[in-house]
Amino acid sequence: VKTEIIEEAFPGMFMDTPEDEKTKLISCLGAFRQFWGGLSQESHEQCIQWIVKFIHGQHSPKRISFLYDCLAMAVETGLLPPRMVCESLINSDTLEWERTQLWALTFKLVRKIIGGVDYKGVRDLLKVILEKILTIPNTVSSAVVQQLLAAREVIAYILERNACLLPAYFAVTEIRKLYPEGKLPHWLLGNLVSDFVDTFRPTARINSICGR
């Protein structure tokens, strides 16, 4: 990891200062804005991947949360593209269900910024998130389920028709690839996926009758 790049991008996080979190956040964003502006367009994606790798290498939930707040603010102010940030977060090899706090914080951030991603990007993210959920075993401690559910919340948001993140037929196509007819969805998803797919059955039945 290019630690020196991270130190340059987020100088405030390495100093113990009496500043409150909001002031520290704004200060860090200002420094990051300057740093980001000096990068070439071609290096943007790699830089975000470095930052995500660095964040995922942290062991303090407080520090991870602070850095994620920085990323969220950078996206919300238009500095960073939401799709690039979401893809780097979700595709990270270090995003594993066993690291429950990191898992929860990551999916909460994705839930917060995914609204700015185009539908093609959302479709790709849906596919990867469903695959990540499949890595969770059938039996886990009840103590960690609440944190793991953060991924389910993102899926629910994507499938919410009123959110207009992804055309429903694209979502069904991705779901059917992992869960063909007769295969039960992962337990973490509960009835969320099956209920969504069931909403298409009347349409499929009408098409079948009309096609005879």
C-alpha atoms as a PDB file:
ATOM      1  CA  VAL A   1       0.000   0.000   0.000  1.00  0.00           C
ATOM      2  CA  LYS A   2       1.273   3.471  -0.868  1.00  0.00           C
ATOM      3  CA  THR A   3       1.121   4.740   2.711  1.00  0.00           C
ATOM      4  CA  GLU A   4       2.838   8.013   1.871  1.00  0.00           C
ATOM      5  CA  ILE A   5       0.053   8.795  -0.600  1.00  0.00           C
ATOM      6  CA  ILE A   6      -2.561   8.159   2.078  1.00  0.00           C
ATOM      7  CA  GLU A   7      -0.683  10.353   4.554  1.00  0.00           C
ATOM      8  CA  GLU A   8      -0.656  13.132   1.999  1.00  0.00           C
ATOM      9  CA  ALA A   9      -4.342  12.658   1.203  1.00  0.00           C
ATOM     10  CA  PHE A  10      -5.619  12.401   4.777  1.00  0.00           C
ATOM     11  CA  PRO A  11      -3.087  14.226   6.993  1.00  0.00           C
ATOM     12  CA  GLY A  12      -5.578  15.001   9.766  1.00  0.00           C
ATOM     13  CA  MET A  13      -6.243  11.398  10.688  1.00  0.00           C
ATOM     14  CA  PHE A  14      -2.670  10.810  11.815  1.00  0.00           C
ATOM     15  CA  MET A  15      -2.659  13.639  14.338  1.00  0.00           C
ATOM     16  CA  ASP A  16      -4.247  13.749  17.764  1.00  0.00           C
ATOM     17  CA  THR A  17      -5.781  17.188  17.855  1.00  0.00           C
ATOM     18  CA  PRO A  18      -8.430  18.750  20.052  1.00  0.00           C
ATOM     19  CA  GLU A  19     -10.550  19.460  16.974  1.00  0.00           C
ATOM     20  CA  ASP A  20     -14.019  17.977  16.966  1.00  0.00           C
ATOM     21  CA  GLU A  21     -14.784  15.318  14.358  1.00  0.00           C
ATOM     22  CA  LYS A  22     -16.661  17.665  12.029  1.00  0.00           C
ATOM     23  CA  THR A  23     -13.805  20.171  11.909  1.00  0.00           C
ATOM     24  CA  LYS A  24     -11.313  17.374  11.408  1.00  0.00           C
ATOM     25  CA  LEU A  25     -13.437  15.948   8.600  1.00  0.00           C
ATOM     26  CA  ILE A  26     -13.648  19.268   6.759  1.00  0.00           C
ATOM     27  CA  SER A  27      -9.906  19.789   7.205  1.00  0.00           C
ATOM     28  CA  CYS A  28      -9.158  16.334   5.806  1.00  0.00           C
ATOM     29  CA  LEU A  29     -11.491  16.845   2.866  1.00  0.00           C
ATOM     30  CA  GLY A  30      -9.758  20.124   2.012  1.00  0.00           C
ATOM     31  CA  ALA A  31      -6.363  18.421   2.025  1.00  0.00           C
ATOM     32  CA  PHE A  32      -7.709  15.526  -0.019  1.00  0.00           C
ATOM     33  CA  ARG A  33      -9.268  17.889  -2.560  1.00  0.00           C
ATOM     34  CA  GLN A  34      -5.858  19.472  -3.150  1.00  0.00           C
ATOM     35  CA  PHE A  35      -4.202  16.078  -3.408  1.00  0.00           C
ATOM     36  CA  TRP A  36      -6.862  14.693  -5.779  1.00  0.00           C
ATOM     37  CA  GLY A  37      -6.637  17.735  -8.033  1.00  0.00           C
ATOM     38  CA  GLY A  38      -2.957  17.030  -8.635  1.00  0.00           C
ATOM     39  CA  LEU A  39      -3.564  13.494  -9.906  1.00  0.00           C
ATOM     40  CA  SER A  40      -3.959  12.517 -13.532  1.00  0.00           C
ATOM     41  CA  GLN A  41      -7.360  11.200 -14.634  1.00  0.00           C
ATOM     42  CA  GLU A  42      -5.803   7.810 -15.398  1.00  0.00           C
ATOM     43  CA  SER A  43      -4.598   7.304 -11.826  1.00  0.00           C
ATOM     44  CA  HIS A  44      -7.927   8.062 -10.104  1.00  0.00           C
ATOM     45  CA  GLU A  45      -9.214   4.496  -9.978  1.00  0.00           C
ATOM     46  CA  GLN A  46      -5.915   3.093  -8.736  1.00  0.00           C
ATOM     47  CA  CYS A  47      -5.711   5.804  -6.088  1.00  0.00           C
ATOM     48  CA  ILE A  48      -9.179   4.965  -4.737  1.00  0.00           C
ATOM     49  CA  GLN A  49      -8.216   1.286  -4.654  1.00  0.00           C
ATOM     50  CA  TRP A  50      -5.089   2.179  -2.638  1.00  0.00           C
ATOM     51  CA  ILE A  51      -7.182   4.209  -0.219  1.00  0.00           C
ATOM     52  CA  VAL A  52      -9.704   1.380   0.232  1.00  0.00           C
ATOM     53  CA  LYS A  53      -6.902  -1.124   0.767  1.00  0.00           C
ATOM     54  CA  PHE A  54      -5.366   1.182   3.355  1.00  0.00           C
ATOM     55  CA  ILE A  55      -8.684   1.662   5.166  1.00  0.00           C
ATOM     56  CA  HIS A  56      -9.335  -2.083   5.182  1.00  0.00           C
ATOM     57  CA  GLY A  57      -5.907  -2.548   6.721  1.00  0.00           C
ATOM     58  CA  GLN A  58      -6.929  -0.532   9.780  1.00  0.00           C
ATOM     59  CA  HIS A  59      -7.955  -2.289  12.977  1.00  0.00           C
ATOM     60  CA  SER A  60      -9.662   0.596  14.733  1.00  0.00           C
ATOM     61  CA  PRO A  61     -13.390   0.842  13.888  1.00  0.00           C
ATOM     62  CA  LYS A  62     -13.244   4.523  14.864  1.00  0.00           C
ATOM     63  CA  ARG A  63     -10.498   5.224  12.323  1.00  0.00           C
ATOM     64  CA  ILE A  64     -12.264   3.202   9.619  1.00  0.00           C
ATOM     65  CA  SER A  65     -15.484   5.083  10.346  1.00  0.00           C
ATOM     66  CA  PHE A  66     -13.701   8.442  10.124  1.00  0.00           C
ATOM     67  CA  LEU A  67     -12.067   7.591   6.799  1.00  0.00           C
ATOM     68  CA  TYR A  68     -15.371   6.310   5.434  1.00  0.00           C
ATOM     69  CA  ASP A  69     -16.968   9.605   6.481  1.00  0.00           C
ATOM     70  CA  CYS A  70     -14.237  11.354   4.476  1.00  0.00           C
ATOM     71  CA  LEU A  71     -15.039   9.226   1.426  1.00  0.00           C
ATOM     72  CA  ALA A  72     -18.769   9.847   1.844  1.00  0.00           C
ATOM     73  CA  MET A  73     -18.254  13.595   2.043  1.00  0.00           C
ATOM     74  CA  ALA A  74     -15.941  13.495  -0.986  1.00  0.00           C
ATOM     75  CA  VAL A  75     -18.670  11.713  -2.972  1.00  0.00           C
ATOM     76  CA  GLU A  76     -21.475  13.953  -1.714  1.00  0.00           C
ATOM     77  CA  THR A  77     -19.562  17.103  -2.673  1.00  0.00           C
ATOM     78  CA  GLY A  78     -18.900  15.757  -6.168  1.00  0.00           C
ATOM     79  CA  LEU A  79     -15.171  15.265  -5.687  1.00  0.00           C
ATOM     80  CA  LEU A  80     -15.177  11.471  -6.094  1.00  0.00           C
ATOM     81  CA  PRO A  81     -17.361   9.442  -8.496  1.00  0.00           C
ATOM     82  CA  PRO A  82     -19.748   7.226  -6.477  1.00  0.00           C
ATOM     83  CA  ARG A  83     -19.521   4.286  -8.854  1.00  0.00           C
ATOM     84  CA  MET A  84     -15.733   4.110  -8.623  1.00  0.00           C
ATOM     85  CA  VAL A  85     -15.835   4.292  -4.824  1.00  0.00           C
ATOM     86  CA  CYS A  86     -18.594   1.657  -4.495  1.00  0.00           C
ATOM     87  CA  GLU A  87     -16.836  -0.736  -6.874  1.00  0.00           C
ATOM     88  CA  SER A  88     -13.513  -0.377  -5.052  1.00  0.00           C
ATOM     89  CA  LEU A  89     -15.200  -1.032  -1.707  1.00  0.00           C
ATOM     90  CA  ILE A  90     -17.281  -4.032  -2.766  1.00  0.00           C
ATOM     91  CA  ASN A  91     -14.629  -5.673  -4.957  1.00  0.00           C
ATOM     92  CA  SER A  92     -11.989  -5.489  -2.230  1.00  0.00           C
ATOM     93  CA  ASP A  93     -10.522  -8.895  -1.375  1.00  0.00           C
ATOM     94  CA  THR A  94     -10.341  -7.831   2.274  1.00  0.00           C
ATOM     95  CA  LEU A  95     -14.096  -7.271   2.562  1.00  0.00           C
ATOM     96  CA  GLU A  96     -14.956 -10.552   4.276  1.00  0.00           C
ATOM     97  CA  TRP A  97     -17.946 -11.443   6.433  1.00  0.00           C
ATOM     98  CA  GLU A  98     -15.657 -12.535   9.291  1.00  0.00           C
ATOM     99  CA  ARG A  99     -14.607  -8.905   9.763  1.00  0.00           C
ATOM    100  CA  THR A 100     -18.098  -7.993  10.857  1.00  0.00           C
ATOM    101  CA  GLN A 101     -17.426  -4.387  11.869  1.00  0.00           C
ATOM    102  CA  LEU A 102     -15.686  -3.599   8.589  1.00  0.00           C
ATOM    103  CA  TRP A 103     -18.485  -5.411   6.727  1.00  0.00           C
ATOM    104  CA  ALA A 104     -21.181  -3.341   8.454  1.00  0.00           C
ATOM    105  CA  LEU A 105     -19.381  -0.009   8.014  1.00  0.00           C
ATOM    106  CA  THR A 106     -18.643  -0.736   4.348  1.00  0.00           C
ATOM    107  CA  PHE A 107     -22.203  -1.607   3.400  1.00  0.00           C
ATOM    108  CA  LYS A 108     -23.560   1.361   5.347  1.00  0.00           C
ATOM    109  CA  LEU A 109     -21.305   3.609   3.269  1.00  0.00           C
ATOM    110  CA  VAL A 110     -22.367   1.915   0.030  1.00  0.00           C
ATOM    111  CA  ARG A 111     -26.031   2.337   1.031  1.00  0.00           C
ATOM    112  CA  LYS A 112     -25.353   6.019   1.586  1.00  0.00           C
ATOM    113  CA  ILE A 113     -23.725   6.774  -1.783  1.00  0.00           C
ATOM    114  CA  ILE A 114     -25.074   4.179  -4.235  1.00  0.00           C
ATOM    115  CA  GLY A 115     -27.901   6.518  -5.222  1.00  0.00           C
ATOM    116  CA  GLY A 116     -25.436   8.406  -7.417  1.00  0.00           C
ATOM    117  CA  VAL A 117     -24.390   5.311  -9.400  1.00  0.00           C
ATOM    118  CA  ASP A 118     -25.798   4.713 -12.898  1.00  0.00           C
ATOM    119  CA  TYR A 119     -27.986   1.642 -13.438  1.00  0.00           C
ATOM    120  CA  LYS A 120     -25.238  -0.354 -15.195  1.00  0.00           C
ATOM    121  CA  GLY A 121     -22.971   0.189 -12.216  1.00  0.00           C
ATOM    122  CA  VAL A 122     -25.765  -0.750  -9.805  1.00  0.00           C
ATOM    123  CA  ARG A 123     -26.364  -3.983 -11.750  1.00  0.00           C
ATOM    124  CA  ASP A 124     -22.675  -4.910 -11.430  1.00  0.00           C
ATOM    125  CA  LEU A 125     -22.712  -4.052  -7.726  1.00  0.00           C
ATOM    126  CA  LEU A 126     -25.839  -6.148  -7.139  1.00  0.00           C
ATOM    127  CA  LYS A 127     -24.104  -9.158  -8.691  1.00  0.00           C
ATOM    128  CA  VAL A 128     -20.974  -8.787  -6.542  1.00  0.00           C
ATOM    129  CA  ILE A 129     -22.917  -8.149  -3.325  1.00  0.00           C
ATOM    130  CA  LEU A 130     -25.070 -11.251  -3.884  1.00  0.00           C
ATOM    131  CA  GLU A 131     -21.869 -13.256  -4.432  1.00  0.00           C
ATOM    132  CA  LYS A 132     -20.301 -11.798  -1.261  1.00  0.00           C
ATOM    133  CA  ILE A 133     -23.369 -12.810   0.736  1.00  0.00           C
ATOM    134  CA  LEU A 134     -22.986 -16.383  -0.550  1.00  0.00           C
ATOM    135  CA  THR A 135     -19.635 -16.592   1.293  1.00  0.00           C
ATOM    136  CA  ILE A 136     -21.454 -16.355   4.640  1.00  0.00           C
ATOM    137  CA  PRO A 137     -21.929 -19.889   6.029  1.00  0.00           C
ATOM    138  CA  ASN A 138     -25.314 -21.309   6.997  1.00  0.00           C
ATOM    139  CA  THR A 139     -24.472 -21.133  10.683  1.00  0.00           C
ATOM    140  CA  VAL A 140     -23.017 -18.012  12.308  1.00  0.00           C
ATOM    141  CA  SER A 141     -23.125 -16.591  15.811  1.00  0.00           C
ATOM    142  CA  SER A 142     -26.318 -14.665  16.528  1.00  0.00           C
ATOM    143  CA  ALA A 143     -24.089 -11.912  17.913  1.00  0.00           C
ATOM    144  CA  VAL A 144     -22.852 -10.950  14.424  1.00  0.00           C
ATOM    145  CA  VAL A 145     -26.062 -11.306  12.402  1.00  0.00           C
ATOM    146  CA  GLN A 146     -27.102  -7.696  13.005  1.00  0.00           C
ATOM    147  CA  GLN A 147     -23.870  -6.399  11.458  1.00  0.00           C
ATOM    148  CA  LEU A 148     -24.075  -8.792   8.515  1.00  0.00           C
ATOM    149  CA  LEU A 149     -27.571  -7.497   7.743  1.00  0.00           C
ATOM    150  CA  ALA A 150     -26.028  -4.245   6.467  1.00  0.00           C
ATOM    151  CA  ALA A 151     -25.477  -6.044   3.141  1.00  0.00           C
ATOM    152  CA  ARG A 152     -29.147  -7.048   3.028  1.00  0.00           C
ATOM    153  CA  GLU A 153     -30.122  -3.399   3.484  1.00  0.00           C
ATOM    154  CA  VAL A 154     -28.183  -2.476   0.340  1.00  0.00           C
ATOM    155  CA  ILE A 155     -29.894  -5.257  -1.643  1.00  0.00           C
ATOM    156  CA  ALA A 156     -33.286  -4.084  -0.347  1.00  0.00           C
ATOM    157  CA  TYR A 157     -32.505  -0.530  -1.466  1.00  0.00           C
ATOM    158  CA  ILE A 158     -31.458  -1.681  -4.945  1.00  0.00           C
ATOM    159  CA  LEU A 159     -34.636  -3.757  -5.326  1.00  0.00           C
ATOM    160  CA  GLU A 160     -36.878  -0.936  -4.081  1.00  0.00           C
ATOM    161  CA  ARG A 161     -38.742   0.141  -7.210  1.00  0.00           C
ATOM    162  CA  ASN A 162     -39.404   3.661  -5.922  1.00  0.00           C
ATOM    163  CA  ALA A 163     -35.661   4.216  -5.491  1.00  0.00           C
ATOM    164  CA  CYS A 164     -35.236   3.821  -9.280  1.00  0.00           C
ATOM    165  CA  LEU A 165     -31.677   2.531  -8.955  1.00  0.00           C
ATOM    166  CA  LEU A 166     -32.054  -0.405 -11.339  1.00  0.00           C
ATOM    167  CA  PRO A 167     -34.775  -1.567 -13.753  1.00  0.00           C
ATOM    168  CA  ALA A 168     -36.486  -4.512 -12.057  1.00  0.00           C
ATOM    169  CA  TYR A 169     -36.007  -6.932 -14.964  1.00  0.00           C
ATOM    170  CA  PHE A 170     -32.220  -6.423 -14.781  1.00  0.00           C
ATOM    171  CA  ALA A 171     -32.344  -7.176 -11.064  1.00  0.00           C
ATOM    172  CA  VAL A 172     -34.354 -10.370 -11.643  1.00  0.00           C
ATOM    173  CA  THR A 173     -31.879 -11.498 -14.304  1.00  0.00           C
ATOM    174  CA  GLU A 174     -28.945 -11.156 -11.874  1.00  0.00           C
ATOM    175  CA  ILE A 175     -30.875 -12.894  -9.098  1.00  0.00           C
ATOM    176  CA  ARG A 176     -31.845 -15.798 -11.357  1.00  0.00           C
ATOM    177  CA  LYS A 177     -28.198 -16.395 -12.293  1.00  0.00           C
ATOM    178  CA  LEU A 178     -27.399 -17.190  -8.656  1.00  0.00           C
ATOM    179  CA  TYR A 179     -30.802 -18.490  -7.614  1.00  0.00           C
ATOM    180  CA  PRO A 180     -32.461 -20.393 -10.469  1.00  0.00           C
ATOM    181  CA  GLU A 181     -36.000 -21.709 -10.106  1.00  0.00           C
ATOM    182  CA  GLY A 182     -36.230 -24.037  -7.127  1.00  0.00           C
ATOM    183  CA  LYS A 183     -33.074 -22.830  -5.359  1.00  0.00           C
ATOM    184  CA  LEU A 184     -33.695 -21.075  -2.055  1.00  0.00           C
ATOM    185  CA  PRO A 185     -32.022 -17.680  -1.534  1.00  0.00           C
ATOM    186  CA  HIS A 186     -29.310 -17.296   1.108  1.00  0.00           C
ATOM    187  CA  TRP A 187     -30.728 -17.144   4.647  1.00  0.00           C
ATOM    188  CA  LEU A 188     -29.436 -13.593   5.153  1.00  0.00           C
ATOM    189  CA  LEU A 189     -31.732 -12.402   2.384  1.00  0.00           C
ATOM    190  CA  GLY A 190     -34.774 -14.109   3.892  1.00  0.00           C
ATOM    191  CA  ASN A 191     -37.881 -13.539   1.782  1.00  0.00           C
ATOM    192  CA  LEU A 192     -36.497 -10.350   0.254  1.00  0.00           C
ATOM    193  CA  VAL A 193     -35.318 -11.931  -2.998  1.00  0.00           C
ATOM    194  CA  SER A 194     -38.061 -14.554  -3.373  1.00  0.00           C
ATOM    195  CA  ASP A 195     -40.825 -11.976  -2.778  1.00  0.00           C
ATOM    196  CA  PHE A 196     -39.243  -9.671  -5.362  1.00  0.00           C
ATOM    197  CA  VAL A 197     -39.035 -12.451  -7.964  1.00  0.00           C
ATOM    198  CA  ASP A 198     -42.625 -13.480  -7.204  1.00  0.00           C
ATOM    199  CA  THR A 199     -43.865 -10.055  -8.302  1.00  0.00           C
ATOM    200  CA  PHE A 200     -42.903 -11.053 -11.856  1.00  0.00           C
ATOM    201  CA  ARG A 201     -44.891 -14.280 -11.909  1.00  0.00           C
ATOM    202  CA  PRO A 202     -48.247 -12.740 -12.976  1.00  0.00           C
ATOM    203  CA  THR A 203     -46.509 -11.011 -15.911  1.00  0.00           C
ATOM    204  CA  ALA A 204     -44.748 -14.236 -16.898  1.00  0.00           C
ATOM    205  CA  ARG A 205     -48.070 -16.097 -16.718  1.00  0.00           C
ATOM    206  CA  ILE A 206     -49.790 -13.542 -18.970  1.00  0.00           C
ATOM    207  CA  ASN A 207     -46.954 -13.734 -21.504  1.00  0.00           C
ATOM    208  CA  SER A 208     -47.153 -17.522 -21.440  1.00  0.00           C
ATOM    209  CA  ILE A 209     -50.910 -17.504 -22.095  1.00  0.00           C
ATOM    210  CA  CYS A 210     -50.616 -14.896 -24.858  1.00  0.00           C
ATOM    211  CA  GLY A 211     -47.825 -16.861 -26.492  1.00  0.00           C
ATOM    212  CA  ARG A 212     -49.868 -20.046 -26.884  1.00  0.00           C
END
